[in-house]
Amino acid sequence: MSEFDDKAATWDENPDRVRRAVEIANYLKEHTSLIGVKKAMEYGSGTGLLSFALQDTLPDITLMDGSEEMTKVAQQKVNDQDVHNLHPLHYDLMEQPLPKERYDLIFILQTLHHIDDTTGFIERAYNLLNRGGQLAIIDLEKEDGSFHDGPFHGHKGFVRKELERQLTSTGFSIEHYGVCWKIEKEIEGHKKVFPLFMIIGKK
């Protein structure tokens, strides 16, 4: 069972998550060319907040997530809102065979730091993209481990140069890097800021 299954039902109740998704969608639209993107995929899509914020911009988006409950919530939202260009799919890209579908854009929001094999994900994403396709990674800049409450076994954010090296060694050219959002948290009585970057690689 995915660690996010038990969080799915109440995930969208956090207004900060909803606002963050809208602002990051706007940043993505501003810093990358979405003209000609016919098929897109969000990996680690959760309840689909970011994809829903892009539904009027992109004609076809697959919402792929390894959490069955998150996918169910996303599908219910699609049904309730009568959305026809968003397609939730319960699928673990790191454990299951590479799908046959190919995309013009893949985007991933705060999911990469949960994936042990980041190079493996980047390689899979590269193979899933059409020529000229783009991969947009949105995640935490390197942090001291205080971002997550309780036990956490993923990556404590990412260093720009190391991630760029992983992307270019796979075959991507770097199109953009910038801080697209800042998350504020109360840590031991003090406000702490955790920047989110967006890096865009082109195949």
C-alpha atoms as a PDB file:
ATOM      1  CA  MET A   1       0.000   0.000   0.000  1.00  0.00           C
ATOM      2  CA  SER A   2       1.255   3.490  -0.847  1.00  0.00           C
ATOM      3  CA  GLU A   3       2.123   5.753   2.079  1.00  0.00           C
ATOM      4  CA  PHE A   4      -0.238   8.300   0.557  1.00  0.00           C
ATOM      5  CA  ASP A   5      -3.326   6.070   0.477  1.00  0.00           C
ATOM      6  CA  ASP A   6      -4.497   7.129   3.929  1.00  0.00           C
ATOM      7  CA  LYS A   7      -3.985  10.832   3.094  1.00  0.00           C
ATOM      8  CA  ALA A   8      -6.002  10.818  -0.119  1.00  0.00           C
ATOM      9  CA  ALA A   9      -9.493  11.590   1.224  1.00  0.00           C
ATOM     10  CA  THR A  10      -8.440  14.844   2.919  1.00  0.00           C
ATOM     11  CA  TRP A  11      -5.555  15.891   0.663  1.00  0.00           C
ATOM     12  CA  ASP A  12      -7.421  18.715  -1.083  1.00  0.00           C
ATOM     13  CA  GLU A  13      -8.650  20.213   2.188  1.00  0.00           C
ATOM     14  CA  ASN A  14      -5.325  22.018   2.617  1.00  0.00           C
ATOM     15  CA  PRO A  15      -5.794  25.411   0.887  1.00  0.00           C
ATOM     16  CA  ASP A  16      -2.028  25.917   0.630  1.00  0.00           C
ATOM     17  CA  ARG A  17      -1.746  22.847  -1.605  1.00  0.00           C
ATOM     18  CA  VAL A  18      -4.509  24.112  -3.877  1.00  0.00           C
ATOM     19  CA  ARG A  19      -2.990  27.595  -4.144  1.00  0.00           C
ATOM     20  CA  ARG A  20       0.481  26.155  -4.710  1.00  0.00           C
ATOM     21  CA  ALA A  21      -0.757  24.026  -7.607  1.00  0.00           C
ATOM     22  CA  VAL A  22      -2.398  27.015  -9.305  1.00  0.00           C
ATOM     23  CA  GLU A  23       0.694  29.212  -8.950  1.00  0.00           C
ATOM     24  CA  ILE A  24       3.050  26.468 -10.152  1.00  0.00           C
ATOM     25  CA  ALA A  25       0.776  25.848 -13.146  1.00  0.00           C
ATOM     26  CA  ASN A  26       1.054  29.548 -13.983  1.00  0.00           C
ATOM     27  CA  TYR A  27       4.840  29.398 -13.624  1.00  0.00           C
ATOM     28  CA  LEU A  28       5.022  26.372 -15.915  1.00  0.00           C
ATOM     29  CA  LYS A  29       2.931  28.129 -18.542  1.00  0.00           C
ATOM     30  CA  GLU A  30       5.167  31.189 -18.309  1.00  0.00           C
ATOM     31  CA  HIS A  31       8.524  29.403 -18.535  1.00  0.00           C
ATOM     32  CA  THR A  32       7.965  26.680 -21.090  1.00  0.00           C
ATOM     33  CA  SER A  33       6.370  26.469 -24.495  1.00  0.00           C
ATOM     34  CA  LEU A  34       3.194  24.405 -24.331  1.00  0.00           C
ATOM     35  CA  ILE A  35       2.285  25.106 -27.944  1.00  0.00           C
ATOM     36  CA  GLY A  36       2.186  21.804 -29.786  1.00  0.00           C
ATOM     37  CA  VAL A  37       1.825  19.713 -26.626  1.00  0.00           C
ATOM     38  CA  LYS A  38      -0.876  17.210 -27.492  1.00  0.00           C
ATOM     39  CA  LYS A  39      -0.372  14.616 -24.779  1.00  0.00           C
ATOM     40  CA  ALA A  40       0.987  15.285 -21.301  1.00  0.00           C
ATOM     41  CA  MET A  41       1.509  13.165 -18.220  1.00  0.00           C
ATOM     42  CA  GLU A  42       1.823  14.078 -14.563  1.00  0.00           C
ATOM     43  CA  TYR A  43       3.665  11.459 -12.543  1.00  0.00           C
ATOM     44  CA  GLY A  44       2.925  11.250  -8.849  1.00  0.00           C
ATOM     45  CA  SER A  45      -0.217  13.207  -9.646  1.00  0.00           C
ATOM     46  CA  GLY A  46      -2.000  12.466  -6.374  1.00  0.00           C
ATOM     47  CA  THR A  47      -5.498  13.951  -6.454  1.00  0.00           C
ATOM     48  CA  GLY A  48      -4.603  15.866  -9.604  1.00  0.00           C
ATOM     49  CA  LEU A  49      -4.337  19.403  -8.227  1.00  0.00           C
ATOM     50  CA  LEU A  50      -1.649  20.496 -10.690  1.00  0.00           C
ATOM     51  CA  SER A  51      -3.231  18.751 -13.666  1.00  0.00           C
ATOM     52  CA  PHE A  52      -6.617  20.286 -12.891  1.00  0.00           C
ATOM     53  CA  ALA A  53      -4.920  23.692 -12.846  1.00  0.00           C
ATOM     54  CA  LEU A  54      -3.612  22.948 -16.360  1.00  0.00           C
ATOM     55  CA  GLN A  55      -6.749  21.363 -17.801  1.00  0.00           C
ATOM     56  CA  ASP A  56      -7.679  24.451 -19.841  1.00  0.00           C
ATOM     57  CA  THR A  57      -4.154  24.680 -21.294  1.00  0.00           C
ATOM     58  CA  LEU A  58      -3.314  21.083 -22.200  1.00  0.00           C
ATOM     59  CA  PRO A  59      -5.630  18.984 -24.409  1.00  0.00           C
ATOM     60  CA  ASP A  60      -4.873  15.583 -22.867  1.00  0.00           C
ATOM     61  CA  ILE A  61      -3.263  14.739 -19.511  1.00  0.00           C
ATOM     62  CA  THR A  62      -2.637  11.315 -17.985  1.00  0.00           C
ATOM     63  CA  LEU A  63      -2.631  11.479 -14.178  1.00  0.00           C
ATOM     64  CA  MET A  64      -0.321   8.601 -13.205  1.00  0.00           C
ATOM     65  CA  ASP A  65       0.149   7.667  -9.553  1.00  0.00           C
ATOM     66  CA  GLY A  66       1.222   4.617  -7.574  1.00  0.00           C
ATOM     67  CA  SER A  67      -1.380   5.275  -4.857  1.00  0.00           C
ATOM     68  CA  GLU A  68      -4.681   3.558  -5.549  1.00  0.00           C
ATOM     69  CA  GLU A  69      -6.615   5.816  -3.173  1.00  0.00           C
ATOM     70  CA  MET A  70      -5.160   9.023  -4.636  1.00  0.00           C
ATOM     71  CA  THR A  71      -6.131   7.774  -8.084  1.00  0.00           C
ATOM     72  CA  LYS A  72      -9.671   7.043  -6.896  1.00  0.00           C
ATOM     73  CA  VAL A  73     -10.031  10.581  -5.549  1.00  0.00           C
ATOM     74  CA  ALA A  74      -8.695  12.023  -8.816  1.00  0.00           C
ATOM     75  CA  GLN A  75     -11.142   9.894 -10.817  1.00  0.00           C
ATOM     76  CA  GLN A  76     -14.042  10.995  -8.619  1.00  0.00           C
ATOM     77  CA  LYS A  77     -13.104  14.642  -9.220  1.00  0.00           C
ATOM     78  CA  VAL A  78     -12.961  14.005 -12.969  1.00  0.00           C
ATOM     79  CA  ASN A  79     -16.416  12.414 -12.825  1.00  0.00           C
ATOM     80  CA  ASP A  80     -17.928  15.085 -10.584  1.00  0.00           C
ATOM     81  CA  GLN A  81     -16.625  17.945 -12.722  1.00  0.00           C
ATOM     82  CA  ASP A  82     -17.364  16.175 -16.009  1.00  0.00           C
ATOM     83  CA  VAL A  83     -13.789  16.660 -17.215  1.00  0.00           C
ATOM     84  CA  HIS A  84     -12.907  14.864 -20.436  1.00  0.00           C
ATOM     85  CA  ASN A  85      -9.202  15.584 -20.966  1.00  0.00           C
ATOM     86  CA  LEU A  86      -7.841  14.290 -17.640  1.00  0.00           C
ATOM     87  CA  HIS A  87      -7.284  10.539 -17.338  1.00  0.00           C
ATOM     88  CA  PRO A  88      -6.287   9.146 -13.900  1.00  0.00           C
ATOM     89  CA  LEU A  89      -4.216   5.960 -14.038  1.00  0.00           C
ATOM     90  CA  HIS A  90      -3.089   3.837 -11.094  1.00  0.00           C
ATOM     91  CA  TYR A  91       0.406   2.858 -12.222  1.00  0.00           C
ATOM     92  CA  ASP A  92       3.861   2.650 -10.652  1.00  0.00           C
ATOM     93  CA  LEU A  93       6.338   3.699 -13.307  1.00  0.00           C
ATOM     94  CA  MET A  94       9.296   2.546 -11.208  1.00  0.00           C
ATOM     95  CA  GLU A  95       7.961  -0.976 -10.635  1.00  0.00           C
ATOM     96  CA  GLN A  96       5.889  -1.790 -13.731  1.00  0.00           C
ATOM     97  CA  PRO A  97       6.952  -2.065 -17.390  1.00  0.00           C
ATOM     98  CA  LEU A  98       7.331   1.086 -19.440  1.00  0.00           C
ATOM     99  CA  PRO A  99       3.913   1.998 -20.909  1.00  0.00           C
ATOM    100  CA  LYS A 100       3.485   2.112 -24.683  1.00  0.00           C
ATOM    101  CA  GLU A 101       2.063   5.649 -24.645  1.00  0.00           C
ATOM    102  CA  ARG A 102       4.379   8.547 -25.525  1.00  0.00           C
ATOM    103  CA  TYR A 103       4.091  12.153 -24.388  1.00  0.00           C
ATOM    104  CA  ASP A 104       5.100  15.682 -25.356  1.00  0.00           C
ATOM    105  CA  LEU A 105       5.340  16.834 -21.730  1.00  0.00           C
ATOM    106  CA  ILE A 106       5.897  15.050 -18.415  1.00  0.00           C
ATOM    107  CA  PHE A 107       5.715  16.985 -15.163  1.00  0.00           C
ATOM    108  CA  ILE A 108       6.315  15.825 -11.606  1.00  0.00           C
ATOM    109  CA  LEU A 109       5.570  17.896  -8.483  1.00  0.00           C
ATOM    110  CA  GLN A 110       7.244  17.064  -5.157  1.00  0.00           C
ATOM    111  CA  THR A 111       7.413  13.384  -6.055  1.00  0.00           C
ATOM    112  CA  LEU A 112      11.012  12.909  -7.140  1.00  0.00           C
ATOM    113  CA  HIS A 113      12.308  13.204  -3.575  1.00  0.00           C
ATOM    114  CA  HIS A 114      10.233  10.120  -2.729  1.00  0.00           C
ATOM    115  CA  ILE A 115      11.817   8.078  -5.558  1.00  0.00           C
ATOM    116  CA  ASP A 116      15.019   6.284  -4.542  1.00  0.00           C
ATOM    117  CA  ASP A 117      16.366   5.883  -8.078  1.00  0.00           C
ATOM    118  CA  THR A 118      16.180   9.401  -9.490  1.00  0.00           C
ATOM    119  CA  THR A 119      18.378   8.537 -12.469  1.00  0.00           C
ATOM    120  CA  GLY A 120      16.100   5.596 -13.226  1.00  0.00           C
ATOM    121  CA  PHE A 121      13.069   7.885 -13.238  1.00  0.00           C
ATOM    122  CA  ILE A 122      14.777  10.418 -15.503  1.00  0.00           C
ATOM    123  CA  GLU A 123      15.719   7.653 -17.943  1.00  0.00           C
ATOM    124  CA  ARG A 124      12.152   6.298 -17.973  1.00  0.00           C
ATOM    125  CA  ALA A 125      10.776   9.786 -18.527  1.00  0.00           C
ATOM    126  CA  TYR A 126      13.212  10.334 -21.402  1.00  0.00           C
ATOM    127  CA  ASN A 127      12.043   7.121 -23.063  1.00  0.00           C
ATOM    128  CA  LEU A 128       8.394   8.126 -22.641  1.00  0.00           C
ATOM    129  CA  LEU A 129       8.855  11.482 -24.356  1.00  0.00           C
ATOM    130  CA  ASN A 130       8.534  12.203 -28.044  1.00  0.00           C
ATOM    131  CA  ARG A 131      11.465  13.955 -29.724  1.00  0.00           C
ATOM    132  CA  GLY A 132      11.423  17.572 -28.567  1.00  0.00           C
ATOM    133  CA  GLY A 133       9.355  16.603 -25.524  1.00  0.00           C
ATOM    134  CA  GLN A 134       9.920  18.256 -22.167  1.00  0.00           C
ATOM    135  CA  LEU A 135      10.348  17.024 -18.610  1.00  0.00           C
ATOM    136  CA  ALA A 136       9.478  19.515 -15.872  1.00  0.00           C
ATOM    137  CA  ILE A 137      10.624  18.562 -12.380  1.00  0.00           C
ATOM    138  CA  ILE A 138       9.303  20.635  -9.479  1.00  0.00           C
ATOM    139  CA  ASP A 139      10.785  19.739  -6.113  1.00  0.00           C
ATOM    140  CA  LEU A 140      12.628  20.889  -3.015  1.00  0.00           C
ATOM    141  CA  GLU A 141      16.010  22.506  -3.115  1.00  0.00           C
ATOM    142  CA  LYS A 142      18.517  20.831  -0.790  1.00  0.00           C
ATOM    143  CA  GLU A 143      17.280  21.013   2.811  1.00  0.00           C
ATOM    144  CA  ASP A 144      18.436  19.820   6.235  1.00  0.00           C
ATOM    145  CA  GLY A 145      15.804  17.119   6.666  1.00  0.00           C
ATOM    146  CA  SER A 146      13.388  19.217   8.697  1.00  0.00           C
ATOM    147  CA  PHE A 147      10.799  19.485   5.910  1.00  0.00           C
ATOM    148  CA  HIS A 148       9.147  16.146   6.674  1.00  0.00           C
ATOM    149  CA  ASP A 149       7.535  15.338  10.000  1.00  0.00           C
ATOM    150  CA  GLY A 150       8.414  11.944  11.470  1.00  0.00           C
ATOM    151  CA  PRO A 151      10.449   9.212   9.758  1.00  0.00           C
ATOM    152  CA  PHE A 152      11.399   9.933   6.158  1.00  0.00           C
ATOM    153  CA  HIS A 153      13.674   7.852   3.938  1.00  0.00           C
ATOM    154  CA  GLY A 154      13.700   9.827   0.698  1.00  0.00           C
ATOM    155  CA  HIS A 155      15.931  12.589  -0.641  1.00  0.00           C
ATOM    156  CA  LYS A 156      16.365  15.777   1.382  1.00  0.00           C
ATOM    157  CA  GLY A 157      15.859  17.938  -1.656  1.00  0.00           C
ATOM    158  CA  PHE A 158      18.230  18.285  -4.605  1.00  0.00           C
ATOM    159  CA  VAL A 159      21.343  20.215  -5.574  1.00  0.00           C
ATOM    160  CA  ARG A 160      20.920  21.978  -8.905  1.00  0.00           C
ATOM    161  CA  LYS A 161      24.233  20.942 -10.474  1.00  0.00           C
ATOM    162  CA  GLU A 162      23.787  17.280  -9.555  1.00  0.00           C
ATOM    163  CA  LEU A 163      20.279  17.152 -11.012  1.00  0.00           C
ATOM    164  CA  GLU A 164      21.389  18.968 -14.146  1.00  0.00           C
ATOM    165  CA  ARG A 165      24.182  16.420 -14.560  1.00  0.00           C
ATOM    166  CA  GLN A 166      21.696  13.545 -14.285  1.00  0.00           C
ATOM    167  CA  LEU A 167      19.459  15.131 -16.898  1.00  0.00           C
ATOM    168  CA  THR A 168      22.186  15.979 -19.402  1.00  0.00           C
ATOM    169  CA  SER A 169      23.863  12.593 -19.067  1.00  0.00           C
ATOM    170  CA  THR A 170      20.524  11.010 -20.001  1.00  0.00           C
ATOM    171  CA  GLY A 171      20.239  13.183 -23.097  1.00  0.00           C
ATOM    172  CA  PHE A 172      18.221  16.203 -21.973  1.00  0.00           C
ATOM    173  CA  SER A 173      19.220  19.787 -22.663  1.00  0.00           C
ATOM    174  CA  ILE A 174      18.459  22.177 -19.801  1.00  0.00           C
ATOM    175  CA  GLU A 175      15.880  24.749 -20.846  1.00  0.00           C
ATOM    176  CA  HIS A 176      15.137  26.452 -17.529  1.00  0.00           C
ATOM    177  CA  TYR A 177      15.868  26.464 -13.806  1.00  0.00           C
ATOM    178  CA  GLY A 178      14.215  28.737 -11.270  1.00  0.00           C
ATOM    179  CA  VAL A 179      12.504  28.904  -7.889  1.00  0.00           C
ATOM    180  CA  CYS A 180       8.782  28.670  -8.577  1.00  0.00           C
ATOM    181  CA  TRP A 181       7.351  28.608  -5.040  1.00  0.00           C
ATOM    182  CA  LYS A 182       8.345  28.810  -1.386  1.00  0.00           C
ATOM    183  CA  ILE A 183       6.771  26.661   1.314  1.00  0.00           C
ATOM    184  CA  GLU A 184       6.707  28.134   4.813  1.00  0.00           C
ATOM    185  CA  LYS A 185       6.609  25.835   7.832  1.00  0.00           C
ATOM    186  CA  GLU A 186       6.689  26.342  11.557  1.00  0.00           C
ATOM    187  CA  ILE A 187       9.689  24.365  12.854  1.00  0.00           C
ATOM    188  CA  GLU A 188      10.269  24.340  16.621  1.00  0.00           C
ATOM    189  CA  GLY A 189       8.594  27.697  17.026  1.00  0.00           C
ATOM    190  CA  HIS A 190      10.383  29.341  14.105  1.00  0.00           C
ATOM    191  CA  LYS A 191       9.185  30.007  10.567  1.00  0.00           C
ATOM    192  CA  LYS A 192      11.316  28.228   7.980  1.00  0.00           C
ATOM    193  CA  VAL A 193      11.210  28.648   4.211  1.00  0.00           C
ATOM    194  CA  PHE A 194      11.693  25.731   1.804  1.00  0.00           C
ATOM    195  CA  PRO A 195      12.149  26.815  -1.848  1.00  0.00           C
ATOM    196  CA  LEU A 196      10.672  24.712  -4.653  1.00  0.00           C
ATOM    197  CA  PHE A 197      12.577  24.777  -7.948  1.00  0.00           C
ATOM    198  CA  MET A 198      11.407  23.961 -11.441  1.00  0.00           C
ATOM    199  CA  ILE A 199      13.914  22.492 -13.854  1.00  0.00           C
ATOM    200  CA  ILE A 200      12.914  21.815 -17.451  1.00  0.00           C
ATOM    201  CA  GLY A 201      14.789  19.410 -19.688  1.00  0.00           C
ATOM    202  CA  LYS A 202      14.160  18.965 -23.409  1.00  0.00           C
ATOM    203  CA  LYS A 203      14.681  15.715 -25.299  1.00  0.00           C
END
